[in-house]
Amino acid sequence: MNPSDTSAPQTSKRRGLSARRIALLATTIAGLGVAALVLAPTVNLQATYPAAIAQNLSEQAAKVAGPVGFADIVEKVKPGVFSVRVKVDGGNETVGRGGQEIPPGMREFFRRFGMPDIPGGPEGMPRGGRRGATGQGSGFFISADGYAVTNNHVVEKASSVEIQLDDGKTYPAKVIGTDPRTDLALIKVEGNAFPFVKLSDKDPRIGDWVLAVGNPFGLGGTVTAGIVSARGRDIGASAYDDFIQIDAPVNRGNSGGPTFDTEGNVIGVNTAIFSPSGGSVGIAFAIPANTVKTVIAQLRESGTVSRGWIGVQIQPVTQDIADGLGLKSTDGALVAEPQANGPAVKAGINAGDVIVSVNGERVKDARDLARKIGALAPKANVKLGVVQKGTEKTINLTLGELPNTTEARATGPGNDDDNGADVGRLGLTLAPAARVAGAGSEGVVVTGVDAAGAAAERGFATGDVILEVGGQAVSTPADVRKVVNTARTEGKRTVLLRVKKGDNTRFVALPVGRG
């Protein structure tokens, strides 16, 4: 037998491979052989395996995503990334995103990693009383003439900013503009021959390889690899959260640094990590490149970011709320309260309306609406698809400009989730608002809450004011009972209440059942 003969029948006979064993070998190699081929791409498949298996391996090898190594990409992009060092003339301030303290319950989740390390305090959250502190982060050039991107929280309180390139050269930098809502900042270094990188024109896919480059713990020029773990993450930072989640290790000092795809394009700007321990646990968040492009373009032009504003408090449409409104799905954003003199009020949008589209694009949820409106310019004309009293209609309005003190935040659903309980009463003690000092003249005030009732489970508290029940204004407990009894008679599972809590108004769906 000619040892160079590689035809399938003769090879199978020579090696004593039955058809069943060949099939089993093909299955095993399909899972393991591709990795071997990546490491040893010069393998002669036809000389090593039967023809059918060789063909299978060739097809599998062609599907392998990502390069064998990242050295070529790193060599290409690393010079455009730099370390940022800031001097902070501190006072008695707590530093966090946008100059605000991290909300209670979010400290472990929303840890910052580009700010000074103050012993005893959460990472990125220096305590008051420390003056003349220094902090560090990362950044990258987006043009040869010295324009560069970093995080707002890296430079927002800086009295001076200095960058250090990969070759060790240092330059002073000027802050051109910042946007606390997306945690982005544009800085400028004098010069006209800096290496720079490109923002990606396409969205990454979950599972794509990524590289993070930055200055963790002041080490500078550090590269780590991972994959895109998720997209569209909302971590409660602002109404415009749309983070890419990656598992490439990033730590304090990586803030403001880029995350690259395998083509060397920036897909995101590293900004936050989830870390119970303070170090990387493989969960990091990056601002998407499309957001970076929009924000940086405005900062470069005017130093500030202007966003469209319709003037409403909005909240998600839960299944209970959808049932209460007679909606077929939970898509859209529920208007909890139009703001006085805002564009929405002038256009005829009312509390209880559900905004389901913007310029023909469907609105997935309240956060999606906030992002869509925020991406539009003030004074832009928009067409909103609105479900009003069960009928969908188109409302035209001209956007206002989002005030600096106002954010188009999509409020959370509270505790509106339905637990399936058949509750025969609401579990509330009520009184006319006009009879309770400080409660105003509209609605009924909650004076007591049954701890075991459905209302308590949904976040009702003493002092809340119920303005409407089932779309009808109420002023006495009898009004509430009447609407609830009508809903039961009509066979409805839930009734929708419009509730004022402090300065905020929201809708809450309560199960009414029968009894």
Protein backbone atom coordinates (compact mmCIF):
# COMPACT_ATOMS: atom_id res chain seq x y z
CA MET A 1 0.00 0.00 0.00
CA ASN A 2 1.24 3.40 -0.90
CA PRO A 3 1.72 5.29 2.38
CA SER A 4 0.99 8.59 0.63
CA ASP A 5 -2.44 7.42 -0.54
CA THR A 6 -5.02 9.44 1.45
CA SER A 7 -8.27 8.30 -0.09
CA ALA A 8 -11.02 7.85 2.51
CA PRO A 9 -11.73 4.08 2.03
CA GLN A 10 -8.09 3.01 2.16
CA THR A 11 -7.30 5.28 5.13
CA SER A 12 -10.27 3.91 7.04
CA LYS A 13 -9.21 0.32 6.31
CA ARG A 14 -5.59 0.95 7.20
CA ARG A 15 -6.51 2.47 10.57
CA GLY A 16 -9.30 0.02 11.21
CA LEU A 17 -11.91 2.81 11.50
CA SER A 18 -15.49 1.68 11.16
CA ALA A 19 -18.15 4.07 9.88
CA ARG A 20 -19.43 4.49 13.42
CA ARG A 21 -15.95 5.31 14.77
CA ILE A 22 -15.38 7.79 11.95
CA ALA A 23 -18.62 9.59 12.85
CA LEU A 24 -17.63 9.69 16.52
CA LEU A 25 -14.16 10.97 15.66
CA ALA A 26 -15.65 13.65 13.42
CA THR A 27 -17.89 14.85 16.26
CA THR A 28 -15.01 14.97 18.73
CA ILE A 29 -12.64 16.72 16.35
CA ALA A 30 -15.30 19.26 15.40
CA GLY A 31 -15.27 20.40 19.01
CA LEU A 32 -11.54 20.08 19.75
CA GLY A 33 -9.71 19.96 16.46
CA VAL A 34 -10.46 23.55 15.50
CA ALA A 35 -8.45 24.84 18.45
CA ALA A 36 -5.55 22.68 17.35
CA LEU A 37 -5.82 24.01 13.84
CA VAL A 38 -5.71 27.59 15.11
CA LEU A 39 -2.52 26.81 16.98
CA ALA A 40 -1.04 24.80 14.12
CA PRO A 41 -2.50 26.24 10.91
CA THR A 42 -0.05 24.35 8.68
CA VAL A 43 -1.64 20.94 9.39
CA ASN A 44 -2.30 18.98 6.19
CA LEU A 45 -5.90 17.94 6.80
CA GLN A 46 -6.14 15.53 3.87
CA ALA A 47 -2.98 13.74 4.93
CA THR A 48 -4.12 13.45 8.54
CA TYR A 49 -7.86 12.67 8.50
CA PRO A 50 -10.33 10.89 6.22
CA ALA A 51 -11.82 13.17 3.56
CA ALA A 52 -15.20 13.63 5.26
CA ILE A 53 -13.58 14.60 8.57
CA ALA A 54 -11.05 16.86 6.85
CA GLN A 55 -13.86 18.74 5.12
CA ASN A 56 -15.70 19.16 8.43
CA LEU A 57 -12.58 20.51 10.10
CA SER A 58 -11.95 22.94 7.27
CA GLU A 59 -15.45 24.35 7.58
CA GLN A 60 -15.20 24.64 11.38
CA ALA A 61 -11.80 26.32 11.20
CA ALA A 62 -13.19 28.91 8.80
CA LYS A 63 -15.81 29.86 11.39
CA VAL A 64 -13.34 30.55 14.19
CA ALA A 65 -13.75 34.21 15.21
CA GLY A 66 -10.86 36.37 16.32
CA PRO A 67 -7.15 36.29 15.72
CA VAL A 68 -4.66 33.75 17.05
CA GLY A 69 -3.07 36.52 19.10
CA PHE A 70 -3.59 40.23 19.72
CA ALA A 71 -0.03 41.50 19.28
CA ASP A 72 -0.62 43.07 15.85
CA ILE A 73 -3.70 44.93 17.07
CA VAL A 74 -1.96 46.12 20.23
CA GLU A 75 1.00 47.38 18.24
CA LYS A 76 -1.39 49.36 16.06
CA VAL A 77 -3.58 50.99 18.75
CA LYS A 78 -1.52 51.23 21.92
CA PRO A 79 0.37 54.43 20.96
CA GLY A 80 -2.96 56.30 20.77
CA VAL A 81 -3.85 55.50 24.39
CA PHE A 82 -2.41 57.45 27.31
CA SER A 83 -2.49 57.77 31.08
CA VAL A 84 -4.24 60.72 32.71
CA ARG A 85 -3.09 62.29 35.94
CA VAL A 86 -5.18 65.00 37.56
CA LYS A 87 -4.64 67.31 40.50
CA VAL A 88 -7.73 68.01 42.56
CA ASP A 89 -7.80 71.05 44.83
CA GLY A 90 -10.25 69.30 47.11
CA GLY A 91 -12.59 70.71 49.66
CA ASN A 92 -15.11 68.95 51.82
CA GLU A 93 -16.61 67.21 48.84
CA THR A 94 -17.56 63.68 47.98
CA VAL A 95 -16.56 62.83 44.44
CA GLY A 96 -18.76 60.59 42.32
CA ARG A 97 -20.32 60.62 38.88
CA GLY A 98 -21.45 64.09 37.95
CA GLY A 99 -20.30 65.44 41.31
CA GLN A 100 -23.01 63.47 43.07
CA GLU A 101 -22.70 60.82 45.73
CA ILE A 102 -23.50 57.31 44.58
CA PRO A 103 -27.10 56.49 45.62
CA PRO A 104 -27.60 54.15 48.59
CA GLY A 105 -27.68 50.54 47.50
CA MET A 106 -25.54 51.24 44.43
CA ARG A 107 -22.18 51.74 46.13
CA GLU A 108 -20.99 48.17 45.58
CA PHE A 109 -22.39 48.05 42.07
CA PHE A 110 -21.38 51.44 40.80
CA ARG A 111 -17.74 51.65 41.84
CA ARG A 112 -15.54 54.17 40.11
CA PHE A 113 -11.98 53.27 39.33
CA GLY A 114 -10.32 56.45 38.10
CA MET A 115 -10.33 58.56 41.23
CA PRO A 116 -7.91 58.91 44.16
CA ASP A 117 -7.51 56.00 46.52
CA ILE A 118 -8.56 57.22 49.95
CA PRO A 119 -8.09 54.55 52.64
CA GLY A 120 -11.31 53.58 54.33
CA GLY A 121 -13.59 54.90 51.61
CA PRO A 122 -15.26 53.20 48.66
CA GLU A 123 -13.16 53.09 45.49
CA GLY A 124 -13.48 56.30 43.53
CA MET A 125 -15.31 58.00 46.39
CA PRO A 126 -12.78 60.07 48.42
CA ARG A 127 -14.03 61.43 51.69
CA GLY A 128 -14.18 65.10 52.57
CA GLY A 129 -11.32 67.02 54.10
CA ARG A 130 -8.60 65.84 51.72
CA ARG A 131 -6.94 68.73 49.88
CA GLY A 132 -4.50 68.68 46.99
CA ALA A 133 -5.30 65.06 46.11
CA THR A 134 -4.27 63.47 42.82
CA GLY A 135 -6.12 60.96 40.72
CA GLN A 136 -5.46 58.93 37.64
CA GLY A 137 -7.31 57.50 34.72
CA SER A 138 -6.94 56.79 31.02
CA GLY A 139 -7.79 58.38 27.70
CA PHE A 140 -7.18 58.16 23.96
CA PHE A 141 -6.62 60.47 21.01
CA ILE A 142 -9.33 60.73 18.36
CA SER A 143 -7.43 63.08 16.04
CA ALA A 144 -3.82 63.94 15.21
CA ASP A 145 -4.28 67.51 16.44
CA GLY A 146 -4.60 66.45 20.07
CA TYR A 147 -8.33 66.04 20.73
CA ALA A 148 -8.88 63.15 23.11
CA VAL A 149 -11.59 61.37 25.10
CA THR A 150 -11.71 60.40 28.76
CA ASN A 151 -14.37 60.14 31.49
CA ASN A 152 -16.05 63.13 33.07
CA HIS A 153 -15.51 61.67 36.53
CA VAL A 154 -11.75 61.56 35.89
CA VAL A 155 -11.39 65.29 35.16
CA GLU A 156 -14.52 67.00 36.49
CA LYS A 157 -12.90 68.40 39.65
CA ALA A 158 -9.37 68.73 38.28
CA SER A 159 -7.43 71.95 38.74
CA SER A 160 -4.83 70.60 36.28
CA VAL A 161 -4.65 67.67 33.88
CA GLU A 162 -1.52 65.96 32.56
CA ILE A 163 -1.24 63.03 30.18
CA GLN A 164 1.59 60.56 29.67
CA LEU A 165 2.00 58.80 26.33
CA ASP A 166 3.09 55.24 25.82
CA ASP A 167 6.64 56.44 25.04
CA GLY A 168 6.86 58.25 28.39
CA LYS A 169 6.41 61.82 27.12
CA THR A 170 4.12 64.05 29.19
CA TYR A 171 1.91 66.95 28.11
CA PRO A 172 -0.50 69.32 29.86
CA ALA A 173 -4.10 68.98 28.72
CA LYS A 174 -7.05 71.35 28.67
CA VAL A 175 -10.63 70.27 29.39
CA ILE A 176 -12.76 71.40 26.44
CA GLY A 177 -16.09 70.18 27.79
CA THR A 178 -17.76 67.51 29.90
CA ASP A 179 -21.10 65.70 29.95
CA PRO A 180 -21.93 64.28 33.39
CA ARG A 181 -25.04 62.49 32.11
CA THR A 182 -22.97 60.14 29.92
CA ASP A 183 -19.74 60.51 31.94
CA LEU A 184 -17.74 61.69 28.92
CA ALA A 185 -15.15 64.47 28.62
CA LEU A 186 -13.25 65.99 25.71
CA ILE A 187 -9.70 67.21 26.39
CA LYS A 188 -7.10 68.85 24.16
CA VAL A 189 -3.32 68.58 24.01
CA GLU A 190 -1.35 71.10 21.96
CA GLY A 191 0.31 69.48 18.97
CA ASN A 192 -0.49 68.13 15.51
CA ALA A 193 1.16 64.76 15.11
CA PHE A 194 -0.31 62.52 17.78
CA PRO A 195 -1.16 58.88 17.07
CA PHE A 196 -4.92 58.41 17.24
CA VAL A 197 -7.54 55.68 17.05
CA LYS A 198 -10.92 55.45 15.32
CA LEU A 199 -14.36 55.08 16.86
CA SER A 200 -16.18 52.06 15.46
CA ASP A 201 -18.98 52.54 12.94
CA LYS A 202 -20.76 49.32 13.88
CA ASP A 203 -22.19 47.85 17.05
CA PRO A 204 -20.39 44.91 18.64
CA ARG A 205 -22.07 41.55 19.00
CA ILE A 206 -22.34 39.60 22.21
CA GLY A 207 -19.43 37.16 22.19
CA ASP A 208 -17.07 39.34 20.11
CA TRP A 209 -13.45 39.56 21.24
CA VAL A 210 -12.43 42.88 22.81
CA LEU A 211 -9.24 44.49 24.15
CA ALA A 212 -9.14 47.02 26.99
CA VAL A 213 -6.13 49.34 27.12
CA GLY A 214 -5.43 51.72 29.98
CA ASN A 215 -3.66 52.72 33.16
CA PRO A 216 -4.85 50.40 35.95
CA PHE A 217 -3.46 51.34 39.36
CA GLY A 218 -1.05 53.72 37.61
CA LEU A 219 0.81 50.93 35.83
CA GLY A 220 0.19 52.46 32.39
CA GLY A 221 0.08 50.83 28.97
CA THR A 222 -1.76 47.72 30.19
CA VAL A 223 -3.69 45.50 27.78
CA THR A 224 -6.32 42.94 28.77
CA ALA A 225 -8.59 40.76 26.62
CA GLY A 226 -12.10 39.40 26.93
CA ILE A 227 -15.43 39.31 25.15
CA VAL A 228 -18.60 41.36 24.96
CA SER A 229 -20.75 39.85 27.71
CA ALA A 230 -23.94 41.86 27.18
CA ARG A 231 -25.33 45.03 25.63
CA GLY A 232 -27.85 47.65 26.66
CA ARG A 233 -27.01 47.46 30.35
CA ASP A 234 -28.79 49.91 32.69
CA ILE A 235 -26.86 50.31 35.95
CA GLY A 236 -28.86 53.22 37.32
CA ALA A 237 -26.29 55.89 36.52
CA SER A 238 -28.53 58.11 34.38
CA ALA A 239 -31.50 58.08 32.07
CA TYR A 240 -29.14 57.46 29.16
CA ASP A 241 -27.57 54.22 30.38
CA ASP A 242 -26.89 51.90 27.46
CA PHE A 243 -23.63 50.26 28.49
CA ILE A 244 -21.66 47.48 26.83
CA GLN A 245 -20.71 44.86 29.42
CA ILE A 246 -17.31 43.23 28.94
CA ASP A 247 -15.27 40.69 30.88
CA ALA A 248 -11.82 42.01 29.93
CA PRO A 249 -10.21 42.80 33.32
CA VAL A 250 -10.32 46.52 34.12
CA ASN A 251 -9.57 48.24 37.41
CA ARG A 252 -9.21 51.67 38.91
CA GLY A 253 -7.20 53.79 36.52
CA ASN A 254 -8.81 52.20 33.46
CA SER A 255 -11.56 54.86 33.56
CA GLY A 256 -11.71 56.75 30.28
CA GLY A 257 -9.66 54.17 28.42
CA PRO A 258 -10.84 52.51 25.21
CA THR A 259 -12.15 49.05 24.50
CA PHE A 260 -11.18 47.86 21.00
CA ASP A 261 -12.58 45.29 18.62
CA THR A 262 -10.34 42.95 16.65
CA GLU A 263 -10.10 45.48 13.83
CA GLY A 264 -8.54 48.04 16.15
CA ASN A 265 -11.61 50.29 16.36
CA VAL A 266 -12.93 51.70 19.64
CA ILE A 267 -16.27 50.14 20.52
CA GLY A 268 -16.58 51.80 23.92
CA VAL A 269 -15.09 53.90 26.71
CA ASN A 270 -14.52 52.06 29.99
CA THR A 271 -16.38 53.80 32.79
CA ALA A 272 -17.52 51.49 35.60
CA ILE A 273 -17.08 48.08 37.16
CA PHE A 274 -19.07 45.85 39.44
CA SER A 275 -16.72 44.81 42.22
CA PRO A 276 -17.63 43.50 45.68
CA SER A 277 -13.89 43.17 46.34
CA GLY A 278 -12.63 46.43 44.82
CA GLY A 279 -10.73 44.63 42.05
CA SER A 280 -11.81 43.17 38.74
CA VAL A 281 -14.30 40.32 38.90
CA GLY A 282 -14.89 40.25 35.16
CA ILE A 283 -17.83 42.67 34.98
CA ALA A 284 -17.05 46.06 33.45
CA PHE A 285 -19.12 48.62 31.58
CA ALA A 286 -18.21 50.75 28.57
CA ILE A 287 -20.01 53.68 26.94
CA PRO A 288 -20.87 52.67 23.34
CA ALA A 289 -18.99 54.33 20.47
CA ASN A 290 -22.17 55.72 18.89
CA THR A 291 -22.94 57.61 22.11
CA VAL A 292 -19.33 58.84 22.27
CA LYS A 293 -19.53 60.19 18.71
CA THR A 294 -22.70 62.16 19.37
CA VAL A 295 -21.57 63.65 22.67
CA ILE A 296 -17.98 64.44 21.66
CA ALA A 297 -19.14 66.18 18.47
CA GLN A 298 -21.23 68.59 20.55
CA LEU A 299 -18.47 69.11 23.11
CA ARG A 300 -16.00 69.90 20.37
CA GLU A 301 -18.37 72.39 18.76
CA SER A 302 -19.71 74.21 21.83
CA GLY A 303 -18.21 72.70 24.97
CA THR A 304 -21.64 71.57 26.18
CA VAL A 305 -24.31 69.03 25.23
CA SER A 306 -27.89 70.05 24.43
CA ARG A 307 -30.65 67.46 24.53
CA GLY A 308 -34.25 67.40 23.45
CA TRP A 309 -36.95 67.56 26.12
CA ILE A 310 -40.66 66.81 26.04
CA GLY A 311 -41.36 67.60 29.68
CA VAL A 312 -42.84 64.46 31.21
CA GLN A 313 -42.25 62.10 34.10
CA ILE A 314 -42.32 58.61 32.66
CA GLN A 315 -42.31 55.07 34.00
CA PRO A 316 -42.28 51.53 32.61
CA VAL A 317 -45.48 49.79 31.57
CA THR A 318 -45.70 46.70 33.77
CA GLN A 319 -48.05 43.85 32.98
CA ASP A 320 -50.44 45.02 35.72
CA ILE A 321 -50.45 48.54 34.29
CA ALA A 322 -51.00 47.19 30.78
CA ASP A 323 -53.97 45.19 32.07
CA GLY A 324 -55.35 48.25 33.86
CA LEU A 325 -55.11 50.35 30.69
CA GLY A 326 -56.37 47.60 28.42
CA LEU A 327 -53.10 47.44 26.47
CA LYS A 328 -52.06 44.36 24.51
CA SER A 329 -48.36 44.63 25.43
CA THR A 330 -45.99 46.30 27.86
CA ASP A 331 -44.17 48.23 25.13
CA GLY A 332 -43.94 52.00 25.48
CA ALA A 333 -43.50 54.55 28.26
CA LEU A 334 -46.29 55.60 30.61
CA VAL A 335 -46.68 59.32 31.24
CA ALA A 336 -46.96 59.66 35.01
CA GLU A 337 -47.10 63.46 35.01
CA PRO A 338 -46.64 66.09 32.30
CA GLN A 339 -44.52 68.96 33.57
CA ALA A 340 -46.07 72.39 33.75
CA ASN A 341 -45.54 74.53 30.63
CA GLY A 342 -43.56 71.73 28.95
CA PRO A 343 -43.89 70.76 25.28
CA ALA A 344 -45.97 67.68 26.16
CA VAL A 345 -48.66 69.66 27.98
CA LYS A 346 -48.89 72.17 25.14
CA ALA A 347 -49.26 69.31 22.64
CA GLY A 348 -52.09 67.67 24.58
CA ILE A 349 -50.30 64.77 26.24
CA ASN A 350 -51.92 63.79 29.54
CA ALA A 351 -51.10 61.67 32.57
CA GLY A 352 -51.99 58.07 31.76
CA ASP A 353 -51.05 58.33 28.09
CA VAL A 354 -48.54 55.77 26.78
CA ILE A 355 -45.92 56.94 24.29
CA VAL A 356 -45.28 54.03 21.91
CA SER A 357 -43.22 55.55 19.08
CA VAL A 358 -40.94 58.45 18.15
CA ASN A 359 -40.85 59.45 14.48
CA GLY A 360 -42.18 56.05 13.54
CA GLU A 361 -39.65 54.06 15.63
CA ARG A 362 -41.29 51.89 18.27
CA VAL A 363 -40.48 52.67 21.90
CA LYS A 364 -39.50 49.57 23.85
CA ASP A 365 -39.72 51.02 27.34
CA ALA A 366 -39.35 54.21 29.39
CA ARG A 367 -35.55 54.15 29.20
CA ASP A 368 -35.71 53.73 25.43
CA LEU A 369 -37.92 56.82 25.17
CA ALA A 370 -35.52 58.87 27.30
CA ARG A 371 -32.60 57.88 25.04
CA LYS A 372 -34.50 58.55 21.81
CA ILE A 373 -35.63 62.02 22.90
CA GLY A 374 -32.23 62.85 24.43
CA ALA A 375 -30.54 62.06 21.12
CA LEU A 376 -32.59 64.70 19.32
CA ALA A 377 -31.77 68.39 19.20
CA PRO A 378 -33.86 71.05 20.93
CA LYS A 379 -36.43 72.71 18.65
CA ALA A 380 -36.65 69.56 16.53
CA ASN A 381 -40.14 68.61 15.36
CA VAL A 382 -41.11 65.07 16.34
CA LYS A 383 -44.08 62.80 15.80
CA LEU A 384 -45.05 60.83 18.87
CA GLY A 385 -47.27 57.77 18.69
CA VAL A 386 -49.46 57.99 21.79
CA VAL A 387 -52.11 55.66 23.17
CA GLN A 388 -54.69 57.98 24.72
CA LYS A 389 -57.77 56.49 26.37
CA GLY A 390 -57.31 53.25 24.45
CA THR A 391 -56.81 54.84 21.02
CA GLU A 392 -53.44 55.28 19.33
CA LYS A 393 -52.91 58.66 17.72
CA THR A 394 -50.04 60.76 16.38
CA ILE A 395 -49.14 63.96 18.22
CA ASN A 396 -46.75 66.50 16.72
CA LEU A 397 -44.65 68.63 19.03
CA THR A 398 -41.53 70.77 19.05
CA LEU A 399 -38.88 69.66 21.53
CA GLY A 400 -37.66 71.99 24.23
CA GLU A 401 -34.14 71.92 25.66
CA LEU A 402 -33.47 69.69 28.65
CA PRO A 403 -32.75 72.06 31.56
CA ASN A 404 -29.45 71.59 33.39
CA THR A 405 -31.34 70.92 36.61
CA THR A 406 -33.74 68.44 35.05
CA GLU A 407 -33.15 65.00 33.68
CA ALA A 408 -35.58 63.03 31.55
CA ARG A 409 -35.22 60.15 33.94
CA ALA A 410 -37.33 57.08 33.47
CA THR A 411 -38.57 56.31 36.95
CA GLY A 412 -38.52 52.72 38.08
CA PRO A 413 -41.63 50.63 38.45
CA GLY A 414 -41.33 50.62 42.24
CA ASN A 415 -42.85 47.50 43.70
CA ASP A 416 -45.53 47.10 41.08
CA ASP A 417 -44.84 43.49 40.22
CA ASP A 418 -47.91 41.27 40.44
CA ASN A 419 -47.53 38.45 42.92
CA GLY A 420 -50.71 36.77 41.74
CA ALA A 421 -52.53 37.26 45.06
CA ASP A 422 -56.34 37.57 44.93
CA VAL A 423 -56.71 40.56 47.25
CA GLY A 424 -60.26 41.57 48.07
CA ARG A 425 -59.30 44.93 49.53
CA LEU A 426 -56.55 47.45 48.88
CA GLY A 427 -55.08 47.44 52.37
CA LEU A 428 -55.26 51.22 52.68
CA THR A 429 -56.80 53.67 55.13
CA LEU A 430 -57.72 56.89 53.34
CA ALA A 431 -58.82 60.44 54.08
CA PRO A 432 -59.74 63.40 51.86
CA ALA A 433 -56.62 65.41 51.10
CA ALA A 434 -58.44 68.65 51.87
CA ARG A 435 -58.81 67.55 55.49
CA VAL A 436 -55.14 66.70 56.02
CA ALA A 437 -52.78 69.58 56.68
CA GLY A 438 -50.12 69.94 54.01
CA ALA A 439 -51.69 67.38 51.64
CA GLY A 440 -53.16 69.90 49.23
CA SER A 441 -56.70 70.03 47.93
CA GLU A 442 -56.73 67.20 45.39
CA GLY A 443 -57.13 63.48 45.92
CA VAL A 444 -57.17 61.29 48.99
CA VAL A 445 -54.33 60.82 51.44
CA VAL A 446 -53.04 57.45 52.63
CA THR A 447 -53.25 57.58 56.42
CA GLY A 448 -52.53 53.90 57.03
CA VAL A 449 -51.16 50.87 55.17
CA ASP A 450 -51.88 47.23 55.98
CA ALA A 451 -48.44 45.64 56.16
CA ALA A 452 -49.85 42.37 54.79
CA GLY A 453 -51.86 43.97 52.00
CA ALA A 454 -51.23 44.41 48.29
CA ALA A 455 -50.67 48.17 48.65
CA ALA A 456 -47.76 47.67 51.04
CA GLU A 457 -46.17 45.22 48.64
CA ARG A 458 -46.32 47.87 45.95
CA GLY A 459 -44.62 50.58 47.96
CA PHE A 460 -47.52 52.62 49.36
CA ALA A 461 -46.68 54.65 52.44
CA THR A 462 -48.44 57.00 54.80
CA GLY A 463 -48.64 60.46 53.27
CA ASP A 464 -48.99 59.31 49.66
CA VAL A 465 -51.78 61.06 47.79
CA ILE A 466 -54.03 59.12 45.39
CA LEU A 467 -55.14 61.49 42.64
CA GLU A 468 -56.96 59.11 40.29
CA VAL A 469 -58.32 55.59 40.34
CA GLY A 470 -59.16 53.89 37.07
CA GLY A 471 -58.67 57.16 35.21
CA GLN A 472 -61.18 59.03 37.39
CA ALA A 473 -60.29 61.82 39.79
CA VAL A 474 -61.08 60.98 43.42
CA SER A 475 -61.55 63.25 46.41
CA THR A 476 -63.03 60.94 49.04
CA PRO A 477 -62.54 57.31 50.16
CA ALA A 478 -66.06 56.65 48.84
CA ASP A 479 -64.92 57.68 45.36
CA VAL A 480 -62.10 55.13 45.55
CA ARG A 481 -64.43 52.33 46.73
CA LYS A 482 -66.89 53.09 43.94
CA VAL A 483 -64.30 52.81 41.17
CA VAL A 484 -62.78 49.67 42.69
CA ASN A 485 -66.19 47.98 43.01
CA THR A 486 -66.99 48.86 39.40
CA ALA A 487 -63.71 47.31 38.27
CA ARG A 488 -64.54 44.12 40.15
CA THR A 489 -68.01 43.98 38.65
CA GLU A 490 -66.53 44.33 35.17
CA GLY A 491 -64.20 41.40 35.88
CA LYS A 492 -60.96 43.41 35.88
CA ARG A 493 -57.98 41.93 37.68
CA THR A 494 -56.32 45.26 38.47
CA VAL A 495 -57.13 48.91 38.88
CA LEU A 496 -54.71 51.70 38.03
CA LEU A 497 -54.00 54.42 40.60
CA ARG A 498 -52.18 57.69 39.96
CA VAL A 499 -50.22 58.41 43.10
CA LYS A 500 -48.23 61.44 44.21
CA LYS A 501 -45.27 60.74 46.46
CA GLY A 502 -43.40 63.90 47.41
CA ASP A 503 -42.71 65.80 44.19
CA ASN A 504 -43.05 62.75 41.94
CA THR A 505 -46.14 61.19 40.43
CA ARG A 506 -46.43 57.61 39.22
CA PHE A 507 -49.01 55.00 38.29
CA VAL A 508 -49.43 51.88 40.39
CA ALA A 509 -51.55 48.87 39.48
CA LEU A 510 -53.29 47.15 42.40
CA PRO A 511 -55.04 43.77 42.12
CA VAL A 512 -58.71 44.09 43.10
CA GLY A 513 -60.07 40.58 42.57
CA ARG A 514 -63.50 39.84 43.98
CA GLY A 515 -64.93 39.91 47.48
